[in-house]
């Protein structure tokens, strides 16, 4: 990686020229990657007088150029250290909040799990009371205290405590950030390796039985697009984020395998080939252009969740159903119909079988409830 200190001439209005003001030129670093042949820029927020008129302006230019050269030297040292397998002292001085914010911004650009990362940054900022900490100074004590903060503080939107699983999710984002920092040789060691994580709490995963799903199909919804998308997810197991981004080119027919969906999971970023039945395809209606979204104008928020719950209520179903319940419904329907758990795990795109086993526990509970319903015999 080559680093060049560059200067860009600034604009100046006629009015300022008449007032005798000087043109200011901005400084920036130009990076040139010799492997990829790509260039990138970093603005330094440093400025030089284009034509210094007096001693002070000349001194300003001299000091600013020295500062810019020092920044350039630090960047060169940083790149050389990483190239040779060393941790740069420059990287370790970067603020953890600043670094974490850069990861949040990447999630926004890549349409990843942005909301969760954004919330984690907000909680980190509140925990640090707005003051940053060098990434090299993030240690076990810092992480233990942040864990306690997540588990005990009244920091939810309703001024209550976070659920244990929400705290786990936020803490895991910090874990991921430190893991990436260690991989990029920004820190000598990863302190998270010596800190116990937050244990996941089993939750009551609401799902619909086949009979309840049939009721929903027969019940009108104030938001027909969401109704179609929800039923589609019940029949395919796809998450809302995956359904929202589905295009017609993602669905095709294979003579040997029938209908298939090829898509990239928004959560795992893995390419999936998902077989689906004709019943799910029928919901989609008439095929459009390849690049058109299948479910146009599909949104989901607290407002849309109220519409979904009203639809469920109108169908005579007394359960707390959210859009994600469609995924639970897909899993439990298959396990109830004796589809083996390994196949269900693959259909859901789970990385680990233990994630799918949670649904198996739900089915076991229903079996226990079923056998206890047999009336007592007069023996």
Protein backbone atom coordinates (compact mmCIF):
# COMPACT_ATOMS: atom_id res chain seq x y z
CA UNK A 1 0.00 0.00 0.00
CA UNK A 2 1.46 3.35 -1.05
CA UNK A 3 0.42 6.59 0.68
CA UNK A 4 0.61 10.03 -0.91
CA UNK A 5 -0.07 13.42 0.66
CA UNK A 6 -2.20 15.39 -1.78
CA UNK A 7 -3.58 18.93 -2.00
CA UNK A 8 -6.83 20.14 -3.52
CA UNK A 9 -7.37 23.76 -4.46
CA UNK A 10 -10.36 25.32 -2.73
CA UNK A 11 -12.98 27.58 -4.24
CA UNK A 12 -13.24 31.23 -3.25
CA UNK A 13 -16.03 33.66 -4.05
CA UNK A 14 -15.58 37.04 -5.71
CA UNK A 15 -16.90 38.64 -2.52
CA UNK A 16 -14.14 37.07 -0.40
CA UNK A 17 -11.48 38.05 -2.96
CA UNK A 18 -12.66 41.66 -2.67
CA UNK A 19 -12.33 41.39 1.12
CA UNK A 20 -8.72 40.30 0.67
CA UNK A 21 -9.28 36.75 1.96
CA UNK A 22 -6.94 33.98 0.82
CA UNK A 23 -7.93 30.78 -0.94
CA UNK A 24 -7.66 27.71 1.33
CA UNK A 25 -6.47 24.38 -0.08
CA UNK A 26 -7.50 21.11 1.61
CA UNK A 27 -5.10 18.24 2.30
CA UNK A 28 -5.90 14.55 1.92
CA UNK A 29 -4.16 11.18 1.77
CA UNK A 30 -4.29 9.11 -1.41
CA UNK A 31 -3.96 5.35 -0.90
CA UNK A 32 -2.86 3.12 -3.76
CA UNK A 33 -3.21 -0.65 -3.34
CA UNK A 34 -0.55 -2.26 -5.52
CA UNK A 35 -2.32 -5.62 -5.46
CA UNK A 36 -5.80 -4.51 -6.52
CA UNK A 37 -4.66 -1.35 -8.38
CA UNK A 38 -7.38 0.59 -6.53
CA UNK A 39 -7.18 4.13 -5.16
CA UNK A 40 -8.98 5.63 -2.18
CA UNK A 41 -8.88 8.98 -0.35
CA UNK A 42 -9.00 10.14 3.25
CA UNK A 43 -9.63 13.83 3.93
CA UNK A 44 -7.58 15.20 6.82
CA UNK A 45 -9.60 18.34 7.67
CA UNK A 46 -6.37 20.30 7.34
CA UNK A 47 -6.08 23.43 5.21
CA UNK A 48 -3.28 25.56 3.72
CA UNK A 49 -3.32 29.14 2.52
CA UNK A 50 -2.94 29.03 -1.26
CA UNK A 51 -0.84 32.22 -1.29
CA UNK A 52 0.22 33.11 2.25
CA UNK A 53 0.39 36.89 2.63
CA UNK A 54 2.10 37.34 5.97
CA UNK A 55 4.27 35.67 8.60
CA UNK A 56 1.31 34.11 10.47
CA UNK A 57 -0.14 32.52 7.34
CA UNK A 58 3.27 31.16 6.37
CA UNK A 59 3.76 29.69 9.86
CA UNK A 60 0.27 28.18 9.70
CA UNK A 61 1.17 26.43 6.42
CA UNK A 62 4.47 25.20 7.82
CA UNK A 63 2.91 23.70 10.98
CA UNK A 64 -0.02 22.19 9.06
CA UNK A 65 2.28 20.52 6.53
CA UNK A 66 4.36 19.03 9.36
CA UNK A 67 1.20 17.67 10.99
CA UNK A 68 -0.02 16.19 7.67
CA UNK A 69 3.37 14.54 7.09
CA UNK A 70 3.24 13.05 10.60
CA UNK A 71 -0.22 11.61 9.94
CA UNK A 72 1.03 10.16 6.64
CA UNK A 73 4.05 8.59 8.43
CA UNK A 74 1.75 7.00 11.01
CA UNK A 75 -0.43 5.52 8.26
CA UNK A 76 2.64 4.10 6.47
CA UNK A 77 3.88 2.59 9.75
CA UNK A 78 0.43 1.10 10.36
CA UNK A 79 0.32 -0.57 6.94
CA UNK A 80 3.89 -1.88 7.24
CA UNK A 81 3.23 -3.34 10.69
CA UNK A 82 0.15 -5.20 9.51
CA UNK A 83 1.94 -6.44 6.39
CA UNK A 84 4.71 -7.96 8.51
CA UNK A 85 2.37 -9.51 11.05
CA UNK A 86 2.79 -6.95 13.84
CA UNK A 87 0.18 -5.01 15.78
CA UNK A 88 0.63 -1.31 15.12
CA UNK A 89 0.70 1.03 18.11
CA UNK A 90 -1.22 3.50 15.95
CA UNK A 91 -4.18 1.12 15.53
CA UNK A 92 -4.36 0.47 19.25
CA UNK A 93 -4.92 4.16 19.90
CA UNK A 94 -8.09 4.26 17.82
CA UNK A 95 -11.19 4.83 19.95
CA UNK A 96 -13.35 1.73 20.45
CA UNK A 97 -16.55 3.77 19.96
CA UNK A 98 -15.12 5.24 16.76
CA UNK A 99 -14.10 1.80 15.52
CA UNK A 100 -17.46 0.26 16.43
CA UNK A 101 -19.28 3.09 14.62
CA UNK A 102 -17.32 2.27 11.45
CA UNK A 103 -18.62 -1.32 11.67
CA UNK A 104 -22.18 -0.02 12.16
CA UNK A 105 -21.82 2.11 9.01
CA UNK A 106 -20.63 -0.92 7.04
CA UNK A 107 -23.73 -2.82 8.14
CA UNK A 108 -25.89 0.01 6.82
CA UNK A 109 -24.10 0.03 3.49
CA UNK A 110 -24.35 -3.74 3.13
CA UNK A 111 -27.98 -3.89 4.29
CA UNK A 112 -26.94 -6.24 7.07
CA UNK A 113 -28.19 -6.46 10.65
CA UNK A 114 -27.92 -2.68 10.95
CA UNK A 115 -30.59 -2.05 13.61
CA UNK A 116 -28.97 -4.37 16.15
CA UNK A 117 -25.51 -2.91 15.57
CA UNK A 118 -26.87 0.64 15.79
CA UNK A 119 -28.56 -0.14 19.14
CA UNK A 120 -25.37 -1.74 20.48
CA UNK A 121 -23.39 1.40 19.61
CA UNK A 122 -26.01 3.51 21.38
CA UNK A 123 -25.72 1.37 24.54
CA UNK A 124 -21.90 1.46 24.38
CA UNK A 125 -21.99 5.25 24.08
CA UNK A 126 -24.34 5.54 27.08
CA UNK A 127 -22.21 3.09 29.08
CA UNK A 128 -19.10 5.19 28.38
CA UNK A 129 -21.08 8.41 29.05
CA UNK A 130 -20.05 9.76 25.67
CA UNK A 131 -16.29 9.43 26.33
CA UNK A 132 -14.34 7.11 24.05
CA UNK A 133 -11.76 4.54 25.17
CA UNK A 134 -8.73 3.36 23.20
CA UNK A 135 -9.39 -0.04 21.68
CA UNK A 136 -6.15 -1.38 23.22
CA UNK A 137 -7.51 -0.52 26.68
CA UNK A 138 -10.69 -2.58 26.34
CA UNK A 139 -10.06 -5.37 28.85
CA UNK A 140 -11.91 -8.01 30.87
CA UNK A 141 -13.04 -5.49 33.51
CA UNK A 142 -14.51 -3.23 30.83
CA UNK A 143 -16.37 -6.16 29.26
CA UNK A 144 -17.64 -7.51 32.60
CA UNK A 145 -18.96 -4.06 33.54
CA UNK A 146 -20.62 -3.63 30.14
CA UNK A 147 -22.26 -7.03 30.58
CA UNK A 148 -23.62 -5.99 34.00
CA UNK A 149 -24.84 -2.72 32.46
CA UNK A 150 -26.80 -4.58 29.77
CA UNK A 151 -28.32 -7.03 32.25
CA UNK A 152 -29.26 -4.63 35.05
CA UNK A 153 -29.75 -1.08 33.74
CA UNK A 154 -33.09 0.43 32.76
CA UNK A 155 -32.13 1.12 29.16
CA UNK A 156 -34.98 -0.25 27.04
CA UNK A 157 -37.27 2.04 25.02
CA UNK A 158 -39.91 1.72 27.75
CA UNK A 159 -37.43 2.66 30.47
CA UNK A 160 -37.24 -0.91 31.68
CA UNK A 161 -34.50 -3.53 31.62
CA UNK A 162 -33.45 -5.41 28.51
CA UNK A 163 -34.49 -9.00 28.11
CA UNK A 164 -31.69 -11.49 28.68
CA UNK A 165 -31.65 -12.44 24.99
CA UNK A 166 -31.48 -8.79 23.90
CA UNK A 167 -28.52 -8.27 26.23
CA UNK A 168 -26.94 -11.39 24.74
CA UNK A 169 -27.43 -10.06 21.21
CA UNK A 170 -25.81 -6.70 22.02
CA UNK A 171 -22.91 -8.28 23.91
CA UNK A 172 -22.27 -10.60 20.96
CA UNK A 173 -21.91 -7.58 18.66
CA UNK A 174 -19.08 -6.32 20.89
CA UNK A 175 -17.61 -9.84 20.78
CA UNK A 176 -17.70 -9.76 16.96
CA UNK A 177 -16.13 -6.29 16.84
CA UNK A 178 -13.20 -7.33 19.04
CA UNK A 179 -12.74 -10.53 17.08
CA UNK A 180 -12.46 -8.50 13.87
CA UNK A 181 -10.08 -6.01 15.50
CA UNK A 182 -7.82 -8.88 16.60
CA UNK A 183 -7.97 -10.45 13.14
CA UNK A 184 -6.95 -7.10 11.60
CA UNK A 185 -4.02 -6.86 14.06
CA UNK A 186 -5.39 -3.79 15.80
CA UNK A 187 -4.98 -5.38 19.26
CA UNK A 188 -2.34 -7.76 20.63
CA UNK A 189 -4.87 -10.16 22.14
CA UNK A 190 -8.62 -10.49 22.34
CA UNK A 191 -9.87 -9.89 25.92
CA UNK A 192 -13.29 -11.38 25.10
CA UNK A 193 -11.70 -14.85 25.19
CA UNK A 194 -11.42 -14.56 28.98
CA UNK A 195 -14.95 -13.30 29.59
CA UNK A 196 -17.98 -15.55 29.91
CA UNK A 197 -20.83 -14.69 27.57
CA UNK A 198 -24.45 -14.13 28.50
CA UNK A 199 -26.45 -17.35 28.57
CA UNK A 200 -29.33 -17.57 26.12
CA UNK A 201 -32.72 -17.89 27.75
CA UNK A 202 -35.23 -20.24 26.21
CA UNK A 203 -38.30 -18.34 25.09
CA UNK A 204 -41.84 -19.39 24.38
CA UNK A 205 -41.74 -19.58 20.58
CA UNK A 206 -45.25 -18.93 19.37
CA UNK A 207 -46.34 -20.83 16.28
CA UNK A 208 -49.51 -21.73 14.43
CA UNK A 209 -51.00 -25.19 14.02
CA UNK A 210 -52.15 -26.30 10.59
CA UNK A 211 -55.78 -25.60 11.59
CA UNK A 212 -54.89 -22.07 12.76
CA UNK A 213 -52.95 -21.42 9.57
CA UNK A 214 -56.01 -22.49 7.58
CA UNK A 215 -58.12 -19.98 9.53
CA UNK A 216 -55.69 -17.19 8.63
CA UNK A 217 -55.83 -18.11 4.95
CA UNK A 218 -59.63 -17.72 5.06
CA UNK A 219 -59.52 -14.39 6.99
CA UNK A 220 -59.14 -11.00 5.28
CA UNK A 221 -56.24 -8.75 6.27
CA UNK A 222 -56.05 -4.94 6.05
CA UNK A 223 -52.59 -5.34 4.49
CA UNK A 224 -52.97 -8.03 1.77
CA UNK A 225 -49.28 -7.94 0.77
CA UNK A 226 -48.21 -8.81 4.31
CA UNK A 227 -50.84 -11.59 4.45
CA UNK A 228 -49.39 -13.18 1.30
CA UNK A 229 -45.82 -12.74 2.55
CA UNK A 230 -46.65 -14.21 5.97
CA UNK A 231 -48.38 -17.30 4.53
CA UNK A 232 -45.47 -17.67 2.08
CA UNK A 233 -43.02 -17.64 5.01
CA UNK A 234 -45.11 -20.24 6.85
CA UNK A 235 -44.75 -22.52 3.81
CA UNK A 236 -41.05 -21.80 3.14
CA UNK A 237 -39.50 -20.84 6.49
CA UNK A 238 -37.95 -17.66 5.03
CA UNK A 239 -37.24 -14.69 7.29
CA UNK A 240 -38.91 -11.33 6.63
CA UNK A 241 -35.60 -9.81 5.44
CA UNK A 242 -35.20 -12.59 2.88
CA UNK A 243 -38.81 -12.39 1.67
CA UNK A 244 -38.64 -8.60 1.33
CA UNK A 245 -35.61 -8.78 -0.98
CA UNK A 246 -36.87 -11.69 -3.13
CA UNK A 247 -36.94 -10.99 -6.85
CA UNK A 248 -38.59 -13.05 -9.58
CA UNK A 249 -35.21 -14.14 -10.89
CA UNK A 250 -34.68 -15.95 -7.57
CA UNK A 251 -37.46 -18.43 -8.36
CA UNK A 252 -37.05 -21.00 -11.08
CA UNK A 253 -38.33 -24.43 -12.05
CA UNK A 254 -36.13 -27.49 -12.46
CA UNK A 255 -37.45 -30.62 -14.17
CA UNK A 256 -35.75 -32.89 -11.64
CA UNK A 257 -36.23 -30.89 -8.45
CA UNK A 258 -39.36 -28.83 -9.07
CA UNK A 259 -39.55 -25.20 -7.85
CA UNK A 260 -36.45 -23.75 -6.18
CA UNK A 261 -35.47 -20.43 -4.62
CA UNK A 262 -31.88 -19.28 -4.94
CA UNK A 263 -31.12 -16.49 -2.50
CA UNK A 264 -28.49 -15.08 -0.14
CA UNK A 265 -29.57 -15.19 3.49
CA UNK A 266 -29.51 -11.64 4.90
CA UNK A 267 -28.51 -12.95 8.32
CA UNK A 268 -25.79 -15.48 7.45
CA UNK A 269 -24.85 -14.18 3.96
CA UNK A 270 -24.79 -17.81 2.79
CA UNK A 271 -26.13 -18.79 -0.66
CA UNK A 272 -29.14 -21.08 -0.23
CA UNK A 273 -31.06 -23.30 -2.65
CA UNK A 274 -34.47 -23.85 -1.13
CA UNK A 275 -37.02 -26.26 -2.65
CA UNK A 276 -40.59 -24.99 -2.32
CA UNK A 277 -43.93 -26.56 -3.15
CA UNK A 278 -46.41 -25.38 -5.77
CA UNK A 279 -48.76 -24.16 -3.04
CA UNK A 280 -46.18 -21.54 -2.01
CA UNK A 281 -45.63 -20.54 -5.66
CA UNK A 282 -49.39 -20.09 -6.20
CA UNK A 283 -49.43 -17.37 -3.54
CA UNK A 284 -47.05 -15.26 -5.63
CA UNK A 285 -49.46 -14.73 -8.51
CA UNK A 286 -48.46 -13.82 -12.07
CA UNK A 287 -44.73 -13.75 -12.79
CA UNK A 288 -43.19 -10.34 -13.57
CA UNK A 289 -39.79 -9.13 -14.80
CA UNK A 290 -36.73 -10.85 -13.30
CA UNK A 291 -35.52 -7.79 -11.38
CA UNK A 292 -38.95 -6.90 -9.94
CA UNK A 293 -39.55 -7.54 -6.25
CA UNK A 294 -42.01 -10.38 -5.66
CA UNK A 295 -43.64 -8.63 -2.70
CA UNK A 296 -43.73 -4.96 -3.69
CA UNK A 297 -44.25 -2.33 -0.98
CA UNK A 298 -43.68 -4.85 1.81
CA UNK A 299 -42.87 -3.13 5.11
CA UNK A 300 -42.76 -4.24 8.72
CA UNK A 301 -42.81 -2.04 11.81
CA UNK A 302 -44.67 -1.78 15.11
CA UNK A 303 -47.58 -0.31 13.13
CA UNK A 304 -47.64 -3.18 10.64
CA UNK A 305 -47.28 -5.65 13.51
CA UNK A 306 -50.54 -4.25 14.95
CA UNK A 307 -52.25 -4.97 11.62
CA UNK A 308 -50.88 -8.53 11.72
CA UNK A 309 -52.15 -9.07 15.27
CA UNK A 310 -55.58 -7.69 14.33
CA UNK A 311 -55.70 -10.18 11.43
CA UNK A 312 -54.78 -13.03 13.79
CA UNK A 313 -57.41 -11.87 16.30
CA UNK A 314 -60.08 -11.69 13.58
CA UNK A 315 -59.25 -15.29 12.69
CA UNK A 316 -60.15 -16.28 16.26
CA UNK A 317 -56.57 -17.14 17.26
CA UNK A 318 -55.55 -16.15 20.79
CA UNK A 319 -51.77 -16.17 20.44
CA UNK A 320 -49.08 -13.46 20.47
CA UNK A 321 -48.05 -13.77 16.83
CA UNK A 322 -45.33 -11.70 15.11
CA UNK A 323 -44.00 -12.07 11.58
CA UNK A 324 -41.15 -14.28 12.83
CA UNK A 325 -43.77 -16.72 14.14
CA UNK A 326 -44.19 -17.78 10.50
CA UNK A 327 -40.69 -19.29 10.63
CA UNK A 328 -41.53 -21.08 13.88
CA UNK A 329 -44.73 -22.34 12.23
CA UNK A 330 -42.79 -23.79 9.29
CA UNK A 331 -40.41 -25.64 11.64
CA UNK A 332 -43.08 -27.05 13.96
CA UNK A 333 -45.37 -28.10 11.09
CA UNK A 334 -42.58 -30.15 9.54
CA UNK A 335 -41.52 -31.73 12.83
CA UNK A 336 -45.16 -32.54 13.61
CA UNK A 337 -45.40 -34.26 10.21
CA UNK A 338 -42.30 -36.33 11.13
CA UNK A 339 -39.80 -34.61 8.82
CA UNK A 340 -36.42 -35.50 10.32
CA UNK A 341 -34.75 -32.73 12.30
CA UNK A 342 -31.62 -32.68 10.10
CA UNK A 343 -33.72 -31.91 7.00
CA UNK A 344 -35.68 -29.22 8.85
CA UNK A 345 -32.40 -27.66 9.98
CA UNK A 346 -31.18 -27.51 6.38
CA UNK A 347 -34.48 -26.04 5.15
CA UNK A 348 -34.25 -23.30 7.79
CA UNK A 349 -30.62 -22.58 6.88
CA UNK A 350 -29.41 -23.17 10.45
CA UNK A 351 -25.65 -23.47 10.89
CA UNK A 352 -25.99 -25.66 13.95
CA UNK A 353 -28.42 -28.49 14.65
CA UNK A 354 -28.82 -27.37 18.27
CA UNK A 355 -30.63 -24.26 16.99
CA UNK A 356 -33.28 -26.49 15.38
CA UNK A 357 -33.54 -28.69 18.48
CA UNK A 358 -35.36 -25.82 20.23
CA UNK A 359 -38.35 -26.53 17.97
CA UNK A 360 -38.14 -30.25 18.74
CA UNK A 361 -38.55 -29.41 22.44
CA UNK A 362 -41.74 -27.51 21.59
CA UNK A 363 -43.11 -30.57 19.78
CA UNK A 364 -42.19 -32.83 22.71
CA UNK A 365 -44.13 -30.51 25.01
CA UNK A 366 -47.19 -30.77 22.76
CA UNK A 367 -46.93 -34.57 22.76
CA UNK A 368 -46.87 -34.59 26.57
CA UNK A 369 -49.92 -32.30 26.65
CA UNK A 370 -51.70 -34.59 24.19
CA UNK A 371 -51.25 -37.83 26.15
CA UNK A 372 -52.48 -36.19 29.37
CA UNK A 373 -55.81 -35.38 27.69
CA UNK A 374 -56.92 -39.02 27.61
CA UNK A 375 -59.77 -39.40 30.14
CA UNK A 376 -59.16 -41.66 33.14
CA UNK A 377 -60.41 -45.19 32.78
CA UNK A 378 -62.54 -46.73 35.52
CA UNK A 379 -60.12 -49.57 36.22
